[in-house]
């Protein structure tokens, strides 16, 4: 993971990315990944930030708080004016997390909502 953050030994098509763990006391409850910049595939796909919350901690506000923290970190990393994200159409809880953090739905297709959060 540390090498990826520095752009070392990246698999083909990957970009530098930094991982952040969300903790509750001594338990890791989630992982947030910030991609430093986007390729065309990422711009039209996963976006800058990917995240997941362990199933035992879902529905307790961790994703909303973690994404808020990740957005603050991304402001120092991402050079674009907006953070790009995506969420599966069948995951309304994650869409709500993004909307609660200032996202708007930029566009959708049959599988995904593609959201944006203005940071500049």
PDB file of N, CA and C in Angstrom:
ATOM      1  N   UNK A   1       0.808  -1.199   0.000  1.00  0.00           N
ATOM      2  CA  UNK A   1       0.000   0.000   0.000  1.00  0.00           C
ATOM      3  C   UNK A   1       0.849   1.260   0.000  1.00  0.00           C
ATOM      4  N   UNK A   2       1.932   1.250   0.750  1.00  0.00           N
ATOM      5  CA  UNK A   2       2.783   2.434   0.806  1.00  0.00           C
ATOM      6  C   UNK A   2       3.401   2.716  -0.562  1.00  0.00           C
ATOM      7  N   UNK A   3       3.765   1.665  -1.279  1.00  0.00           N
ATOM      8  CA  UNK A   3       4.347   1.858  -2.601  1.00  0.00           C
ATOM      9  C   UNK A   3       3.322   2.489  -3.544  1.00  0.00           C
ATOM     10  N   UNK A   4       2.056   2.022  -3.470  1.00  0.00           N
ATOM     11  CA  UNK A   4       1.021   2.566  -4.339  1.00  0.00           C
ATOM     12  C   UNK A   4       0.841   4.063  -4.079  1.00  0.00           C
ATOM     13  N   UNK A   5       0.918   4.467  -2.836  1.00  0.00           N
ATOM     14  CA  UNK A   5       0.755   5.869  -2.493  1.00  0.00           C
ATOM     15  C   UNK A   5       1.824   6.726  -3.158  1.00  0.00           C
ATOM     16  N   UNK A   6       3.000   6.150  -3.330  1.00  0.00           N
ATOM     17  CA  UNK A   6       4.108   6.864  -3.959  1.00  0.00           C
ATOM     18  C   UNK A   6       4.232   6.577  -5.452  1.00  0.00           C
ATOM     19  N   UNK A   7       3.276   5.830  -6.006  1.00  0.00           N
ATOM     20  CA  UNK A   7       3.286   5.538  -7.433  1.00  0.00           C
ATOM     21  C   UNK A   7       4.297   4.481  -7.837  1.00  0.00           C
ATOM     22  N   UNK A   8       4.754   3.652  -6.901  1.00  0.00           N
ATOM     23  CA  UNK A   8       5.771   2.636  -7.164  1.00  0.00           C
ATOM     24  C   UNK A   8       5.111   1.281  -7.377  1.00  0.00           C
ATOM     25  N   UNK A   9       5.544   0.569  -8.428  1.00  0.00           N
ATOM     26  CA  UNK A   9       5.059  -0.780  -8.742  1.00  0.00           C
ATOM     27  C   UNK A   9       3.546  -0.849  -8.953  1.00  0.00           C
ATOM     28  N   UNK A  10       2.989   0.196  -9.532  1.00  0.00           N
ATOM     29  CA  UNK A  10       1.545   0.203  -9.791  1.00  0.00           C
ATOM     30  C   UNK A  10       1.206  -0.763 -10.923  1.00  0.00           C
ATOM     31  N   UNK A  11       0.160  -1.545 -10.758  1.00  0.00           N
ATOM     32  CA  UNK A  11      -0.297  -2.372 -11.884  1.00  0.00           C
ATOM     33  C   UNK A  11      -0.739  -1.475 -13.042  1.00  0.00           C
ATOM     34  N   UNK A  12      -0.729  -2.004 -14.231  1.00  0.00           N
ATOM     35  CA  UNK A  12      -1.132  -1.262 -15.413  1.00  0.00           C
ATOM     36  C   UNK A  12      -2.542  -0.691 -15.222  1.00  0.00           C
ATOM     37  N   UNK A  13      -2.708   0.590 -15.512  1.00  0.00           N
ATOM     38  CA  UNK A  13      -4.007   1.244 -15.405  1.00  0.00           C
ATOM     39  C   UNK A  13      -4.303   1.833 -14.046  1.00  0.00           C
ATOM     40  N   UNK A  14      -3.447   1.576 -13.039  1.00  0.00           N
ATOM     41  CA  UNK A  14      -3.645   2.126 -11.703  1.00  0.00           C
ATOM     42  C   UNK A  14      -2.983   3.493 -11.596  1.00  0.00           C
ATOM     43  N   UNK A  15      -3.415   4.281 -10.629  1.00  0.00           N
ATOM     44  CA  UNK A  15      -2.807   5.574 -10.331  1.00  0.00           C
ATOM     45  C   UNK A  15      -2.402   5.558  -8.861  1.00  0.00           C
ATOM     46  N   UNK A  16      -1.534   6.478  -8.442  1.00  0.00           N
ATOM     47  CA  UNK A  16      -1.200   6.532  -7.020  1.00  0.00           C
ATOM     48  C   UNK A  16      -2.460   6.707  -6.176  1.00  0.00           C
ATOM     49  N   UNK A  17      -2.505   5.997  -5.054  1.00  0.00           N
ATOM     50  CA  UNK A  17      -3.667   6.066  -4.174  1.00  0.00           C
ATOM     51  C   UNK A  17      -3.196   5.900  -2.734  1.00  0.00           C
ATOM     52  N   UNK A  18      -3.883   6.592  -1.851  1.00  0.00           N
ATOM     53  CA  UNK A  18      -3.563   6.525  -0.427  1.00  0.00           C
ATOM     54  C   UNK A  18      -4.744   5.916   0.302  1.00  0.00           C
ATOM     55  N   UNK A  19      -4.439   4.996   1.216  1.00  0.00           N
ATOM     56  CA  UNK A  19      -5.447   4.299   1.996  1.00  0.00           C
ATOM     57  C   UNK A  19      -5.539   4.919   3.384  1.00  0.00           C
ATOM     58  N   UNK A  20      -6.772   5.082   3.848  1.00  0.00           N
ATOM     59  CA  UNK A  20      -7.037   5.570   5.199  1.00  0.00           C
ATOM     60  C   UNK A  20      -7.995   4.595   5.873  1.00  0.00           C
ATOM     61  N   UNK A  21      -7.654   4.213   7.084  1.00  0.00           N
ATOM     62  CA  UNK A  21      -8.511   3.326   7.854  1.00  0.00           C
ATOM     63  C   UNK A  21      -9.315   4.148   8.846  1.00  0.00           C
ATOM     64  N   UNK A  22     -10.580   3.790   8.994  1.00  0.00           N
ATOM     65  CA  UNK A  22     -11.442   4.431   9.977  1.00  0.00           C
ATOM     66  C   UNK A  22     -11.514   3.502  11.188  1.00  0.00           C
ATOM     67  N   UNK A  23     -11.165   4.034  12.326  1.00  0.00           N
ATOM     68  CA  UNK A  23     -11.090   3.258  13.562  1.00  0.00           C
ATOM     69  C   UNK A  23     -12.196   3.662  14.523  1.00  0.00           C
ATOM     70  N   UNK A  24     -12.650   2.708  15.319  1.00  0.00           N
ATOM     71  CA  UNK A  24     -13.494   2.944  16.486  1.00  0.00           C
ATOM     72  C   UNK A  24     -12.797   2.222  17.624  1.00  0.00           C
ATOM     73  N   UNK A  25     -12.198   2.991  18.513  1.00  0.00           N
ATOM     74  CA  UNK A  25     -11.330   2.441  19.559  1.00  0.00           C
ATOM     75  C   UNK A  25     -10.238   1.603  18.892  1.00  0.00           C
ATOM     76  N   UNK A  26     -10.173   0.323  19.177  1.00  0.00           N
ATOM     77  CA  UNK A  26      -9.106  -0.506  18.607  1.00  0.00           C
ATOM     78  C   UNK A  26      -9.576  -1.327  17.408  1.00  0.00           C
ATOM     79  N   UNK A  27     -10.745  -1.006  16.873  1.00  0.00           N
ATOM     80  CA  UNK A  27     -11.307  -1.757  15.753  1.00  0.00           C
ATOM     81  C   UNK A  27     -11.295  -0.930  14.467  1.00  0.00           C
ATOM     82  N   UNK A  28     -10.816  -1.542  13.399  1.00  0.00           N
ATOM     83  CA  UNK A  28     -10.929  -0.915  12.089  1.00  0.00           C
ATOM     84  C   UNK A  28     -12.345  -1.174  11.599  1.00  0.00           C
ATOM     85  N   UNK A  29     -13.074  -0.096  11.328  1.00  0.00           N
ATOM     86  CA  UNK A  29     -14.458  -0.242  10.881  1.00  0.00           C
ATOM     87  C   UNK A  29     -14.622   0.030   9.393  1.00  0.00           C
ATOM     88  N   UNK A  30     -13.640   0.697   8.789  1.00  0.00           N
ATOM     89  CA  UNK A  30     -13.770   1.008   7.375  1.00  0.00           C
ATOM     90  C   UNK A  30     -12.452   1.351   6.725  1.00  0.00           C
ATOM     91  N   UNK A  31     -12.476   1.347   5.404  1.00  0.00           N
ATOM     92  CA  UNK A  31     -11.320   1.681   4.582  1.00  0.00           C
ATOM     93  C   UNK A  31     -11.761   2.701   3.540  1.00  0.00           C
ATOM     94  N   UNK A  32     -10.968   3.744   3.383  1.00  0.00           N
ATOM     95  CA  UNK A  32     -11.221   4.786   2.400  1.00  0.00           C
ATOM     96  C   UNK A  32      -9.969   4.933   1.551  1.00  0.00           C
ATOM     97  N   UNK A  33     -10.141   4.883   0.238  1.00  0.00           N
ATOM     98  CA  UNK A  33      -9.038   4.931  -0.711  1.00  0.00           C
ATOM     99  C   UNK A  33      -9.190   6.198  -1.540  1.00  0.00           C
ATOM    100  N   UNK A  34      -8.143   7.017  -1.548  1.00  0.00           N
ATOM    101  CA  UNK A  34      -8.159   8.240  -2.342  1.00  0.00           C
ATOM    102  C   UNK A  34      -7.166   8.092  -3.482  1.00  0.00           C
ATOM    103  N   UNK A  35      -7.686   8.159  -4.703  1.00  0.00           N
ATOM    104  CA  UNK A  35      -6.836   8.130  -5.895  1.00  0.00           C
ATOM    105  C   UNK A  35      -6.364   9.553  -6.164  1.00  0.00           C
ATOM    106  N   UNK A  36      -5.074   9.722  -6.382  1.00  0.00           N
ATOM    107  CA  UNK A  36      -4.489  11.053  -6.481  1.00  0.00           C
ATOM    108  C   UNK A  36      -4.921  11.802  -7.730  1.00  0.00           C
ATOM    109  N   UNK A  37      -5.164  11.092  -8.796  1.00  0.00           N
ATOM    110  CA  UNK A  37      -5.679  11.688 -10.033  1.00  0.00           C
ATOM    111  C   UNK A  37      -6.418  10.591 -10.788  1.00  0.00           C
ATOM    112  N   UNK A  38      -7.077  10.959 -11.869  1.00  0.00           N
ATOM    113  CA  UNK A  38      -7.928  10.012 -12.586  1.00  0.00           C
ATOM    114  C   UNK A  38      -7.463   9.780 -14.011  1.00  0.00           C
ATOM    115  N   UNK A  39      -7.585   8.546 -14.443  1.00  0.00           N
ATOM    116  CA  UNK A  39      -7.477   8.204 -15.856  1.00  0.00           C
ATOM    117  C   UNK A  39      -8.878   8.357 -16.444  1.00  0.00           C
ATOM    118  N   UNK A  40      -8.999   8.236 -17.747  1.00  0.00           N
ATOM    119  CA  UNK A  40     -10.336   8.295 -18.350  1.00  0.00           C
ATOM    120  C   UNK A  40     -11.229   7.198 -17.785  1.00  0.00           C
ATOM    121  N   UNK A  41     -10.676   5.995 -17.598  1.00  0.00           N
ATOM    122  CA  UNK A  41     -11.480   4.893 -17.043  1.00  0.00           C
ATOM    123  C   UNK A  41     -11.962   5.193 -15.628  1.00  0.00           C
ATOM    124  N   UNK A  42     -11.109   5.761 -14.803  1.00  0.00           N
ATOM    125  CA  UNK A  42     -11.515   6.113 -13.442  1.00  0.00           C
ATOM    126  C   UNK A  42     -12.483   7.283 -13.441  1.00  0.00           C
ATOM    127  N   UNK A  43     -12.260   8.251 -14.335  1.00  0.00           N
ATOM    128  CA  UNK A  43     -13.152   9.414 -14.423  1.00  0.00           C
ATOM    129  C   UNK A  43     -14.569   8.973 -14.792  1.00  0.00           C
ATOM    130  N   UNK A  44     -14.661   7.950 -15.613  1.00  0.00           N
ATOM    131  CA  UNK A  44     -15.967   7.428 -16.036  1.00  0.00           C
ATOM    132  C   UNK A  44     -16.346   6.172 -15.256  1.00  0.00           C
ATOM    133  N   UNK A  45     -15.726   5.976 -14.114  1.00  0.00           N
ATOM    134  CA  UNK A  45     -15.969   4.770 -13.324  1.00  0.00           C
ATOM    135  C   UNK A  45     -15.878   5.046 -11.842  1.00  0.00           C
ATOM    136  N   UNK A  46     -14.908   4.422 -11.186  1.00  0.00           N
ATOM    137  CA  UNK A  46     -14.820   4.435  -9.728  1.00  0.00           C
ATOM    138  C   UNK A  46     -14.568   5.818  -9.130  1.00  0.00           C
ATOM    139  N   UNK A  47     -13.873   6.692  -9.841  1.00  0.00           N
ATOM    140  CA  UNK A  47     -13.640   8.034  -9.330  1.00  0.00           C
ATOM    141  C   UNK A  47     -12.456   8.135  -8.390  1.00  0.00           C
ATOM    142  N   UNK A  48     -12.429   9.237  -7.613  1.00  0.00           N
ATOM    143  CA  UNK A  48     -11.315   9.526  -6.715  1.00  0.00           C
ATOM    144  C   UNK A  48     -11.355   8.714  -5.422  1.00  0.00           C
ATOM    145  N   UNK A  49     -12.542   8.519  -4.875  1.00  0.00           N
ATOM    146  CA  UNK A  49     -12.637   7.903  -3.547  1.00  0.00           C
ATOM    147  C   UNK A  49     -13.468   6.634  -3.623  1.00  0.00           C
ATOM    148  N   UNK A  50     -12.894   5.577  -3.077  1.00  0.00           N
ATOM    149  CA  UNK A  50     -13.620   4.331  -2.884  1.00  0.00           C
ATOM    150  C   UNK A  50     -13.629   4.029  -1.399  1.00  0.00           C
ATOM    151  N   UNK A  51     -14.685   3.413  -0.927  1.00  0.00           N
ATOM    152  CA  UNK A  51     -14.750   3.130   0.510  1.00  0.00           C
ATOM    153  C   UNK A  51     -15.615   1.922   0.792  1.00  0.00           C
ATOM    154  N   UNK A  52     -15.400   1.387   1.962  1.00  0.00           N
ATOM    155  CA  UNK A  52     -16.205   0.279   2.447  1.00  0.00           C
ATOM    156  C   UNK A  52     -16.203   0.268   3.958  1.00  0.00           C
ATOM    157  N   UNK A  53     -17.320  -0.114   4.522  1.00  0.00           N
ATOM    158  CA  UNK A  53     -17.475  -0.231   5.968  1.00  0.00           C
ATOM    159  C   UNK A  53     -17.736  -1.700   6.275  1.00  0.00           C
ATOM    160  N   UNK A  54     -17.049  -2.228   7.285  1.00  0.00           N
ATOM    161  CA  UNK A  54     -17.258  -3.624   7.692  1.00  0.00           C
ATOM    162  C   UNK A  54     -18.730  -3.826   8.010  1.00  0.00           C
ATOM    163  N   UNK A  55     -19.276  -4.958   7.590  1.00  0.00           N
ATOM    164  CA  UNK A  55     -20.720  -5.206   7.718  1.00  0.00           C
ATOM    165  C   UNK A  55     -21.230  -5.070   9.152  1.00  0.00           C
ATOM    166  N   UNK A  56     -20.414  -5.338  10.141  1.00  0.00           N
ATOM    167  CA  UNK A  56     -20.848  -5.223  11.537  1.00  0.00           C
ATOM    168  C   UNK A  56     -21.041  -3.779  11.987  1.00  0.00           C
ATOM    169  N   UNK A  57     -20.544  -2.820  11.192  1.00  0.00           N
ATOM    170  CA  UNK A  57     -20.596  -1.420  11.589  1.00  0.00           C
ATOM    171  C   UNK A  57     -21.470  -0.573  10.664  1.00  0.00           C
ATOM    172  N   UNK A  58     -22.110  -1.189   9.712  1.00  0.00           N
ATOM    173  CA  UNK A  58     -22.948  -0.446   8.771  1.00  0.00           C
ATOM    174  C   UNK A  58     -24.208   0.071   9.452  1.00  0.00           C
ATOM    175  N   UNK A  59     -24.726   1.175   8.930  1.00  0.00           N
ATOM    176  CA  UNK A  59     -25.957   1.758   9.455  1.00  0.00           C
ATOM    177  C   UNK A  59     -25.769   2.534  10.740  1.00  0.00           C
ATOM    178  N   UNK A  60     -24.525   2.853  11.091  1.00  0.00           N
ATOM    179  CA  UNK A  60     -24.240   3.539  12.351  1.00  0.00           C
ATOM    180  C   UNK A  60     -23.557   4.893  12.137  1.00  0.00           C
ATOM    181  N   UNK A  61     -23.527   5.370  10.886  1.00  0.00           N
ATOM    182  CA  UNK A  61     -22.966   6.683  10.597  1.00  0.00           C
ATOM    183  C   UNK A  61     -21.478   6.698  10.289  1.00  0.00           C
ATOM    184  N   UNK A  62     -20.831   5.537  10.329  1.00  0.00           N
ATOM    185  CA  UNK A  62     -19.388   5.498  10.075  1.00  0.00           C
ATOM    186  C   UNK A  62     -19.033   5.921   8.648  1.00  0.00           C
ATOM    187  N   UNK A  63     -19.808   5.493   7.679  1.00  0.00           N
ATOM    188  CA  UNK A  63     -19.492   5.842   6.289  1.00  0.00           C
ATOM    189  C   UNK A  63     -19.589   7.346   6.067  1.00  0.00           C
ATOM    190  N   UNK A  64     -20.623   7.971   6.623  1.00  0.00           N
ATOM    191  CA  UNK A  64     -20.791   9.415   6.469  1.00  0.00           C
ATOM    192  C   UNK A  64     -19.621  10.159   7.100  1.00  0.00           C
ATOM    193  N   UNK A  65     -19.251   9.767   8.308  1.00  0.00           N
ATOM    194  CA  UNK A  65     -18.133  10.417   8.994  1.00  0.00           C
ATOM    195  C   UNK A  65     -16.819  10.134   8.265  1.00  0.00           C
ATOM    196  N   UNK A  66     -16.606   8.886   7.876  1.00  0.00           N
ATOM    197  CA  UNK A  66     -15.372   8.533   7.186  1.00  0.00           C
ATOM    198  C   UNK A  66     -15.227   9.242   5.861  1.00  0.00           C
ATOM    199  N   UNK A  67     -16.319   9.349   5.097  1.00  0.00           N
ATOM    200  CA  UNK A  67     -16.241  10.044   3.821  1.00  0.00           C
ATOM    201  C   UNK A  67     -15.950  11.523   4.052  1.00  0.00           C
ATOM    202  N   UNK A  68     -16.537  12.113   5.071  1.00  0.00           N
ATOM    203  CA  UNK A  68     -16.261  13.514   5.390  1.00  0.00           C
ATOM    204  C   UNK A  68     -14.762  13.710   5.653  1.00  0.00           C
ATOM    205  N   UNK A  69     -14.175  12.799   6.435  1.00  0.00           N
ATOM    206  CA  UNK A  69     -12.744  12.875   6.713  1.00  0.00           C
ATOM    207  C   UNK A  69     -11.914  12.671   5.446  1.00  0.00           C
ATOM    208  N   UNK A  70     -12.333  11.725   4.608  1.00  0.00           N
ATOM    209  CA  UNK A  70     -11.612  11.455   3.361  1.00  0.00           C
ATOM    210  C   UNK A  70     -11.671  12.660   2.426  1.00  0.00           C
ATOM    211  N   UNK A  71     -12.797  13.333   2.382  1.00  0.00           N
ATOM    212  CA  UNK A  71     -12.930  14.527   1.540  1.00  0.00           C
ATOM    213  C   UNK A  71     -11.947  15.601   1.998  1.00  0.00           C
ATOM    214  N   UNK A  72     -11.809  15.766   3.301  1.00  0.00           N
ATOM    215  CA  UNK A  72     -10.853  16.753   3.817  1.00  0.00           C
ATOM    216  C   UNK A  72      -9.436  16.407   3.393  1.00  0.00           C
ATOM    217  N   UNK A  73      -9.062  15.135   3.459  1.00  0.00           N
ATOM    218  CA  UNK A  73      -7.740  14.697   3.008  1.00  0.00           C
ATOM    219  C   UNK A  73      -7.602  14.893   1.497  1.00  0.00           C
ATOM    220  N   UNK A  74      -8.666  14.573   0.761  1.00  0.00           N
ATOM    221  CA  UNK A  74      -8.632  14.668  -0.707  1.00  0.00           C
ATOM    222  C   UNK A  74      -8.419  16.099  -1.177  1.00  0.00           C
ATOM    223  N   UNK A  75      -8.863  17.068  -0.422  1.00  0.00           N
ATOM    224  CA  UNK A  75      -8.675  18.471  -0.809  1.00  0.00           C
ATOM    225  C   UNK A  75      -7.198  18.813  -0.975  1.00  0.00           C
ATOM    226  N   UNK A  76      -6.332  18.134  -0.225  1.00  0.00           N
ATOM    227  CA  UNK A  76      -4.894  18.368  -0.319  1.00  0.00           C
ATOM    228  C   UNK A  76      -4.229  17.509  -1.396  1.00  0.00           C
ATOM    229  N   UNK A  77      -4.934  16.497  -1.895  1.00  0.00           N
ATOM    230  CA  UNK A  77      -4.358  15.540  -2.844  1.00  0.00           C
ATOM    231  C   UNK A  77      -4.873  15.767  -4.259  1.00  0.00           C
ATOM    232  N   UNK A  78      -6.183  15.898  -4.387  1.00  0.00           N
ATOM    233  CA  UNK A  78      -6.858  15.983  -5.691  1.00  0.00           C
ATOM    234  C   UNK A  78      -6.710  17.391  -6.253  1.00  0.00           C
ATOM    235  N   UNK A  79      -6.309  17.472  -7.498  1.00  0.00           N
ATOM    236  CA  UNK A  79      -6.092  18.777  -8.134  1.00  0.00           C
ATOM    237  C   UNK A  79      -7.336  19.302  -8.858  1.00  0.00           C
ATOM    238  N   UNK A  80      -8.287  18.416  -9.169  1.00  0.00           N
ATOM    239  CA  UNK A  80      -9.509  18.844  -9.850  1.00  0.00           C
ATOM    240  C   UNK A  80     -10.374  19.689  -8.909  1.00  0.00           C
ATOM    241  N   UNK A  81     -11.363  20.339  -9.477  1.00  0.00           N
ATOM    242  CA  UNK A  81     -12.289  21.153  -8.694  1.00  0.00           C
ATOM    243  C   UNK A  81     -13.382  20.340  -8.028  1.00  0.00           C
ATOM    244  N   UNK A  82     -13.537  19.099  -8.478  1.00  0.00           N
ATOM    245  CA  UNK A  82     -14.556  18.224  -7.914  1.00  0.00           C
ATOM    246  C   UNK A  82     -13.954  16.847  -7.643  1.00  0.00           C
ATOM    247  N   UNK A  83     -14.492  16.203  -6.637  1.00  0.00           N
ATOM    248  CA  UNK A  83     -14.161  14.809  -6.366  1.00  0.00           C
ATOM    249  C   UNK A  83     -15.192  13.963  -7.092  1.00  0.00           C
ATOM    250  N   UNK A  84     -14.729  12.973  -7.818  1.00  0.00           N
ATOM    251  CA  UNK A  84     -15.598  12.056  -8.542  1.00  0.00           C
ATOM    252  C   UNK A  84     -15.784  10.800  -7.706  1.00  0.00           C
ATOM    253  N   UNK A  85     -17.031  10.332  -7.627  1.00  0.00           N
ATOM    254  CA  UNK A  85     -17.355   9.082  -6.951  1.00  0.00           C
ATOM    255  C   UNK A  85     -18.377   8.327  -7.782  1.00  0.00           C
ATOM    256  N   UNK A  86     -18.592   7.088  -7.423  1.00  0.00           N
ATOM    257  CA  UNK A  86     -19.674   6.316  -8.041  1.00  0.00           C
ATOM    258  C   UNK A  86     -20.267   5.406  -6.990  1.00  0.00           C
ATOM    259  N   UNK A  87     -21.479   4.960  -7.252  1.00  0.00           N
ATOM    260  CA  UNK A  87     -22.175   4.068  -6.324  1.00  0.00           C
ATOM    261  C   UNK A  87     -23.133   3.203  -7.128  1.00  0.00           C
ATOM    262  N   UNK A  88     -23.205   1.937  -6.772  1.00  0.00           N
ATOM    263  CA  UNK A  88     -24.127   1.024  -7.449  1.00  0.00           C
ATOM    264  C   UNK A  88     -25.560   1.506  -7.252  1.00  0.00           C
ATOM    265  N   UNK A  89     -26.350   1.400  -8.298  1.00  0.00           N
ATOM    266  CA  UNK A  89     -27.760   1.813  -8.254  1.00  0.00           C
ATOM    267  C   UNK A  89     -28.500   1.120  -7.109  1.00  0.00           C
ATOM    268  N   UNK A  90     -28.124  -0.128  -6.830  1.00  0.00           N
ATOM    269  CA  UNK A  90     -28.828  -0.893  -5.790  1.00  0.00           C
ATOM    270  C   UNK A  90     -28.240  -0.679  -4.396  1.00  0.00           C
ATOM    271  N   UNK A  91     -27.518   0.431  -4.197  1.00  0.00           N
ATOM    272  CA  UNK A  91     -26.950   0.740  -2.887  1.00  0.00           C
ATOM    273  C   UNK A  91     -27.389   2.137  -2.447  1.00  0.00           C
ATOM    274  N   UNK A  92     -28.684   2.301  -2.114  1.00  0.00           N
ATOM    275  CA  UNK A  92     -29.169   3.630  -1.740  1.00  0.00           C
ATOM    276  C   UNK A  92     -28.521   4.166  -0.463  1.00  0.00           C
ATOM    277  N   UNK A  93     -28.082   3.289   0.429  1.00  0.00           N
ATOM    278  CA  UNK A  93     -27.441   3.755   1.663  1.00  0.00           C
ATOM    279  C   UNK A  93     -26.143   4.488   1.347  1.00  0.00           C
ATOM    280  N   UNK A  94     -25.338   3.941   0.436  1.00  0.00           N
ATOM    281  CA  UNK A  94     -24.079   4.594   0.072  1.00  0.00           C
ATOM    282  C   UNK A  94     -24.342   5.881  -0.705  1.00  0.00           C
ATOM    283  N   UNK A  95     -25.366   5.893  -1.535  1.00  0.00           N
ATOM    284  CA  UNK A  95     -25.723   7.131  -2.235  1.00  0.00           C
ATOM    285  C   UNK A  95     -26.081   8.203  -1.215  1.00  0.00           C
ATOM    286  N   UNK A  96     -26.834   7.840  -0.191  1.00  0.00           N
ATOM    287  CA  UNK A  96     -27.213   8.792   0.859  1.00  0.00           C
ATOM    288  C   UNK A  96     -25.972   9.325   1.571  1.00  0.00           C
ATOM    289  N   UNK A  97     -24.991   8.453   1.829  1.00  0.00           N
ATOM    290  CA  UNK A  97     -23.730   8.882   2.448  1.00  0.00           C
ATOM    291  C   UNK A  97     -23.082   9.969   1.594  1.00  0.00           C
ATOM    292  N   UNK A  98     -23.018   9.741   0.301  1.00  0.00           N
ATOM    293  CA  UNK A  98     -22.397  10.716  -0.587  1.00  0.00           C
ATOM    294  C   UNK A  98     -23.195  12.016  -0.622  1.00  0.00           C
ATOM    295  N   UNK A  99     -24.517  11.912  -0.755  1.00  0.00           N
ATOM    296  CA  UNK A  99     -25.361  13.110  -0.780  1.00  0.00           C
ATOM    297  C   UNK A  99     -25.245  13.886   0.529  1.00  0.00           C
ATOM    298  N   UNK A 100     -25.157  13.176   1.660  1.00  0.00           N
ATOM    299  CA  UNK A 100     -24.997  13.835   2.962  1.00  0.00           C
ATOM    300  C   UNK A 100     -23.666  14.568   3.080  1.00  0.00           C
ATOM    301  N   UNK A 101     -22.725  14.240   2.228  1.00  0.00           N
ATOM    302  CA  UNK A 101     -21.423  14.898   2.220  1.00  0.00           C
ATOM    303  C   UNK A 101     -21.291  15.901   1.087  1.00  0.00           C
ATOM    304  N   UNK A 102     -22.421  16.339   0.551  1.00  0.00           N
ATOM    305  CA  UNK A 102     -22.408  17.414  -0.439  1.00  0.00           C
ATOM    306  C   UNK A 102     -22.371  16.982  -1.888  1.00  0.00           C
ATOM    307  N   UNK A 103     -22.501  15.687  -2.142  1.00  0.00           N
ATOM    308  CA  UNK A 103     -22.475  15.204  -3.528  1.00  0.00           C
ATOM    309  C   UNK A 103     -23.778  15.530  -4.245  1.00  0.00           C
ATOM    310  N   UNK A 104     -23.667  15.591  -5.543  1.00  0.00           N
ATOM    311  CA  UNK A 104     -24.844  15.639  -6.403  1.00  0.00           C
ATOM    312  C   UNK A 104     -24.679  14.554  -7.452  1.00  0.00           C
ATOM    313  N   UNK A 105     -25.789  14.052  -7.969  1.00  0.00           N
ATOM    314  CA  UNK A 105     -25.731  13.037  -9.010  1.00  0.00           C
ATOM    315  C   UNK A 105     -25.447  13.738 -10.332  1.00  0.00           C
ATOM    316  N   UNK A 106     -24.295  13.447 -10.891  1.00  0.00           N
ATOM    317  CA  UNK A 106     -23.884  14.037 -12.168  1.00  0.00           C
ATOM    318  C   UNK A 106     -24.603  13.343 -13.317  1.00  0.00           C
ATOM    319  N   UNK A 107     -24.615  12.007 -13.279  1.00  0.00           N
ATOM    320  CA  UNK A 107     -25.354  11.214 -14.258  1.00  0.00           C
ATOM    321  C   UNK A 107     -25.437   9.773 -13.746  1.00  0.00           C
ATOM    322  N   UNK A 108     -26.256   8.999 -14.400  1.00  0.00           N
ATOM    323  CA  UNK A 108     -26.462   7.596 -14.024  1.00  0.00           C
ATOM    324  C   UNK A 108     -26.528   6.748 -15.277  1.00  0.00           C
ATOM    325  N   UNK A 109     -26.259   5.470 -15.110  1.00  0.00           N
ATOM    326  CA  UNK A 109     -26.514   4.505 -16.168  1.00  0.00           C
ATOM    327  C   UNK A 109     -27.278   3.348 -15.541  1.00  0.00           C
ATOM    328  N   UNK A 110     -27.358   2.233 -16.220  1.00  0.00           N
ATOM    329  CA  UNK A 110     -28.174   1.126 -15.706  1.00  0.00           C
ATOM    330  C   UNK A 110     -27.574   0.472 -14.456  1.00  0.00           C
ATOM    331  N   UNK A 111     -26.294   0.734 -14.165  1.00  0.00           N
ATOM    332  CA  UNK A 111     -25.636   0.082 -13.026  1.00  0.00           C
ATOM    333  C   UNK A 111     -25.186   1.040 -11.930  1.00  0.00           C
ATOM    334  N   UNK A 112     -24.854   2.259 -12.289  1.00  0.00           N
ATOM    335  CA  UNK A 112     -24.199   3.173 -11.347  1.00  0.00           C
ATOM    336  C   UNK A 112     -24.802   4.578 -11.367  1.00  0.00           C
ATOM    337  N   UNK A 113     -24.691   5.242 -10.214  1.00  0.00           N
ATOM    338  CA  UNK A 113     -24.851   6.691 -10.132  1.00  0.00           C
ATOM    339  C   UNK A 113     -23.427   7.240 -10.068  1.00  0.00           C
ATOM    340  N   UNK A 114     -23.162   8.296 -10.814  1.00  0.00           N
ATOM    341  CA  UNK A 114     -21.858   8.944 -10.806  1.00  0.00           C
ATOM    342  C   UNK A 114     -22.056  10.292 -10.142  1.00  0.00           C
ATOM    343  N   UNK A 115     -21.415  10.484  -8.999  1.00  0.00           N
ATOM    344  CA  UNK A 115     -21.627  11.687  -8.212  1.00  0.00           C
ATOM    345  C   UNK A 115     -20.377  12.555  -8.211  1.00  0.00           C
ATOM    346  N   UNK A 116     -20.559  13.800  -7.838  1.00  0.00           N
ATOM    347  CA  UNK A 116     -19.473  14.759  -7.760  1.00  0.00           C
ATOM    348  C   UNK A 116     -19.652  15.570  -6.477  1.00  0.00           C
ATOM    349  N   UNK A 117     -18.517  15.946  -5.890  1.00  0.00           N
ATOM    350  CA  UNK A 117     -18.502  16.835  -4.728  1.00  0.00           C
ATOM    351  C   UNK A 117     -17.557  17.976  -5.056  1.00  0.00           C
ATOM    352  N   UNK A 118     -18.096  19.196  -5.071  1.00  0.00           N
ATOM    353  CA  UNK A 118     -17.262  20.370  -5.356  1.00  0.00           C
ATOM    354  C   UNK A 118     -16.339  20.619  -4.167  1.00  0.00           C
ATOM    355  N   UNK A 119     -15.045  20.816  -4.464  1.00  0.00           N
ATOM    356  CA  UNK A 119     -14.097  21.109  -3.391  1.00  0.00           C
ATOM    357  C   UNK A 119     -13.387  22.446  -3.597  1.00  0.00           C
ATOM    358  N   UNK A 120     -13.554  23.044  -4.754  1.00  0.00           N
ATOM    359  CA  UNK A 120     -12.945  24.352  -5.011  1.00  0.00           C
ATOM    360  C   UNK A 120     -13.924  25.239  -5.753  1.00  0.00           C
TER     361      UNK A 120
END
